[in-house]
Amino acid sequence: MFGFLLVLLCIGAYFHCKQKGCHFHKLVNSHQDALDIVRIRYARGEISSEEFNERQNALK
């Protein structure tokens, strides 16, 4: 039963990637994405300047 579900999951994942495209290249840009998120959160006022500097330094 478990094997059958695993096969169905793999087939579903294959067709999902084929239709919508898989974006494995986004994993490479995850560092830049994290910096962008920190910058956006700072611009929105969600984090303080001290927290912004700490997070920015940790990501560099």
C-alpha atoms as a PDB file:
ATOM      1  CA  MET A   1       0.000   0.000   0.000  1.00  0.00           C
ATOM      2  CA  PHE A   2       2.803   2.417   0.922  1.00  0.00           C
ATOM      3  CA  GLY A   3       4.644   1.673  -2.331  1.00  0.00           C
ATOM      4  CA  PHE A   4       1.540   2.446  -4.362  1.00  0.00           C
ATOM      5  CA  LEU A   5       1.106   5.804  -2.618  1.00  0.00           C
ATOM      6  CA  LEU A   6       4.768   6.620  -3.178  1.00  0.00           C
ATOM      7  CA  VAL A   7       4.433   5.881  -6.898  1.00  0.00           C
ATOM      8  CA  LEU A   8       1.332   8.078  -7.107  1.00  0.00           C
ATOM      9  CA  LEU A   9       3.141  10.874  -5.309  1.00  0.00           C
ATOM     10  CA  CYS A  10       6.089  10.672  -7.707  1.00  0.00           C
ATOM     11  CA  ILE A  11       3.819  10.688 -10.737  1.00  0.00           C
ATOM     12  CA  GLY A  12       1.904  13.674  -9.359  1.00  0.00           C
ATOM     13  CA  ALA A  13       5.137  15.553  -8.655  1.00  0.00           C
ATOM     14  CA  TYR A  14       6.388  14.826 -12.170  1.00  0.00           C
ATOM     15  CA  PHE A  15       3.247  16.192 -13.812  1.00  0.00           C
ATOM     16  CA  HIS A  16       3.173  19.197 -11.492  1.00  0.00           C
ATOM     17  CA  CYS A  17       6.750  20.105 -12.439  1.00  0.00           C
ATOM     18  CA  LYS A  18       6.064  19.482 -16.103  1.00  0.00           C
ATOM     19  CA  GLN A  19       3.044  21.820 -16.123  1.00  0.00           C
ATOM     20  CA  LYS A  20       4.194  24.579 -13.779  1.00  0.00           C
ATOM     21  CA  GLY A  21       7.936  24.151 -14.025  1.00  0.00           C
ATOM     22  CA  CYS A  22      10.237  23.281 -11.185  1.00  0.00           C
ATOM     23  CA  HIS A  23      12.335  26.115  -9.846  1.00  0.00           C
ATOM     24  CA  PHE A  24      15.390  24.399  -8.453  1.00  0.00           C
ATOM     25  CA  HIS A  25      17.509  27.415  -9.400  1.00  0.00           C
ATOM     26  CA  LYS A  26      15.749  29.398  -6.674  1.00  0.00           C
ATOM     27  CA  LEU A  27      17.663  27.409  -4.080  1.00  0.00           C
ATOM     28  CA  VAL A  28      20.854  29.033  -5.349  1.00  0.00           C
ATOM     29  CA  ASN A  29      19.400  32.496  -4.813  1.00  0.00           C
ATOM     30  CA  SER A  30      18.052  31.770  -1.339  1.00  0.00           C
ATOM     31  CA  HIS A  31      20.828  33.837   0.296  1.00  0.00           C
ATOM     32  CA  GLN A  32      19.898  36.894  -1.748  1.00  0.00           C
ATOM     33  CA  ASP A  33      16.216  36.259  -1.121  1.00  0.00           C
ATOM     34  CA  ALA A  34      16.859  36.228   2.632  1.00  0.00           C
ATOM     35  CA  LEU A  35      18.638  39.589   2.420  1.00  0.00           C
ATOM     36  CA  ASP A  36      15.761  40.994   0.388  1.00  0.00           C
ATOM     37  CA  ILE A  37      13.275  39.821   3.008  1.00  0.00           C
ATOM     38  CA  VAL A  38      15.290  41.497   5.774  1.00  0.00           C
ATOM     39  CA  ARG A  39      15.437  44.732   3.784  1.00  0.00           C
ATOM     40  CA  ILE A  40      11.698  44.656   3.090  1.00  0.00           C
ATOM     41  CA  ARG A  41      10.851  43.951   6.737  1.00  0.00           C
ATOM     42  CA  TYR A  42      13.077  46.859   7.805  1.00  0.00           C
ATOM     43  CA  ALA A  43      11.462  49.167   5.261  1.00  0.00           C
ATOM     44  CA  ARG A  44       8.014  48.221   6.561  1.00  0.00           C
ATOM     45  CA  GLY A  45       9.104  48.961  10.101  1.00  0.00           C
ATOM     46  CA  GLU A  46       8.660  45.367  11.228  1.00  0.00           C
ATOM     47  CA  ILE A  47      12.191  45.154  12.633  1.00  0.00           C
ATOM     48  CA  SER A  48      14.407  47.724  14.330  1.00  0.00           C
ATOM     49  CA  SER A  49      17.639  49.052  12.840  1.00  0.00           C
ATOM     50  CA  GLU A  50      19.607  47.028  15.400  1.00  0.00           C
ATOM     51  CA  GLU A  51      17.795  43.835  14.426  1.00  0.00           C
ATOM     52  CA  PHE A  52      18.253  44.711  10.741  1.00  0.00           C
ATOM     53  CA  ASN A  53      22.026  45.097  11.183  1.00  0.00           C
ATOM     54  CA  GLU A  54      22.281  41.844  13.140  1.00  0.00           C
ATOM     55  CA  ARG A  55      20.388  39.865  10.540  1.00  0.00           C
ATOM     56  CA  GLN A  56      22.209  41.486   7.638  1.00  0.00           C
ATOM     57  CA  ASN A  57      25.595  40.676   9.200  1.00  0.00           C
ATOM     58  CA  ALA A  58      24.528  37.101   9.902  1.00  0.00           C
ATOM     59  CA  LEU A  59      23.539  36.616   6.257  1.00  0.00           C
ATOM     60  CA  LYS A  60      26.751  38.059   4.807  1.00  0.00           C
END
